[in-house]
Amino acid sequence: MERHVESDVYAFSRGKILVIITTQNTTVKIKITNSPYEPGNTLRNVLNPTEKFKVSPDGSLPVTLNLGQPLVLEMEEEKMKSRYH
């Protein structure tokens, strides 16, 4: 499902995963207002697990894409459950 569309940034979700890509080779900061997550949820970048993002109280998700790198985000709790089940 489409979550965010700009001329240089695109975000979509599939199941419990949110993917954000950009055509820029610079740092891009956006706020996804059509997020499938709840305020307070913490998301982890599957491609760089130390990189985390938190859903704001208004339900939006502020993210930063560094130097054109994509984000593949999943809820932190889901990652923990999948390790132990």
Protein backbone atom coordinates (compact mmCIF):
# COMPACT_ATOMS: atom_id res chain seq x y z
CA MET A 1 0.00 0.00 0.00
CA GLU A 2 1.32 3.46 -0.89
CA ARG A 3 2.26 5.42 2.22
CA HIS A 4 4.12 8.49 0.92
CA VAL A 5 4.78 9.91 -2.54
CA GLU A 6 7.03 12.82 -3.52
CA SER A 7 9.01 13.44 -6.69
CA ASP A 8 12.15 12.04 -5.04
CA VAL A 9 10.82 9.80 -2.23
CA TYR A 10 8.45 6.83 -2.24
CA ALA A 11 7.21 4.73 0.68
CA PHE A 12 5.03 1.66 0.66
CA SER A 13 4.07 -1.09 3.07
CA ARG A 14 3.60 -4.78 2.49
CA GLY A 15 2.42 -6.80 5.43
CA LYS A 16 4.32 -5.60 8.50
CA ILE A 17 7.20 -4.07 6.51
CA LEU A 18 7.53 -0.41 5.46
CA VAL A 19 9.95 0.36 2.61
CA ILE A 20 11.16 3.92 1.90
CA ILE A 21 13.34 4.76 -1.11
CA THR A 22 14.71 7.92 -2.65
CA THR A 23 16.33 9.01 -5.90
CA GLN A 24 18.55 11.51 -4.06
CA ASN A 25 22.18 10.90 -3.07
CA THR A 26 21.89 13.38 -0.20
CA THR A 27 20.26 13.19 3.22
CA VAL A 28 16.46 13.35 2.93
CA LYS A 29 14.16 13.93 5.90
CA ILE A 30 10.43 13.26 5.59
CA LYS A 31 7.40 12.69 7.79
CA ILE A 32 5.11 9.83 6.79
CA THR A 33 1.61 10.77 7.89
CA ASN A 34 -0.06 7.66 6.44
CA SER A 35 1.81 5.21 8.65
CA PRO A 36 0.23 1.85 9.56
CA TYR A 37 1.77 2.06 13.05
CA GLU A 38 0.55 3.37 16.40
CA PRO A 39 2.03 6.33 18.32
CA GLY A 40 4.98 5.18 20.39
CA ASN A 41 5.82 2.16 18.20
CA THR A 42 9.54 1.75 17.56
CA LEU A 43 10.67 0.60 14.12
CA ARG A 44 14.03 -0.92 13.26
CA ASN A 45 15.78 -0.75 9.91
CA VAL A 46 16.27 -4.35 8.75
CA LEU A 47 19.26 -3.23 6.65
CA ASN A 48 20.93 -1.52 9.63
CA PRO A 49 19.44 -2.83 12.92
CA THR A 50 21.07 -0.10 15.03
CA GLU A 51 18.97 2.51 13.16
CA LYS A 52 15.59 3.03 14.86
CA PHE A 53 12.63 5.36 14.37
CA LYS A 54 9.73 6.14 16.71
CA VAL A 55 6.17 6.96 15.69
CA SER A 56 5.20 10.43 16.94
CA PRO A 57 2.20 11.07 19.25
CA ASP A 58 0.23 12.35 16.22
CA GLY A 59 0.78 8.99 14.43
CA SER A 60 3.29 10.32 11.91
CA LEU A 61 6.66 8.69 11.34
CA PRO A 62 9.67 11.00 10.88
CA VAL A 63 12.51 9.29 9.01
CA THR A 64 15.88 10.23 7.58
CA LEU A 65 17.36 8.57 4.50
CA ASN A 66 21.13 9.01 4.51
CA LEU A 67 22.97 9.41 1.21
CA GLY A 68 20.28 7.69 -0.83
CA GLN A 69 20.19 4.56 1.32
CA PRO A 70 16.77 2.85 1.46
CA LEU A 71 14.96 1.98 4.67
CA VAL A 72 13.24 -1.36 5.27
CA LEU A 73 11.43 -0.95 8.58
CA GLU A 74 9.71 -3.42 10.87
CA MET A 75 8.34 -3.07 14.38
CA GLU A 76 11.03 -3.78 16.93
CA GLU A 77 8.78 -6.16 18.91
CA GLU A 78 8.12 -8.25 15.79
CA LYS A 79 11.86 -8.74 15.29
CA MET A 80 12.24 -9.90 18.87
CA LYS A 81 9.32 -12.36 18.62
CA SER A 82 10.60 -13.86 15.37
CA ARG A 83 13.94 -14.64 17.02
CA TYR A 84 12.40 -16.64 19.83
CA HIS A 85 9.46 -18.37 18.12
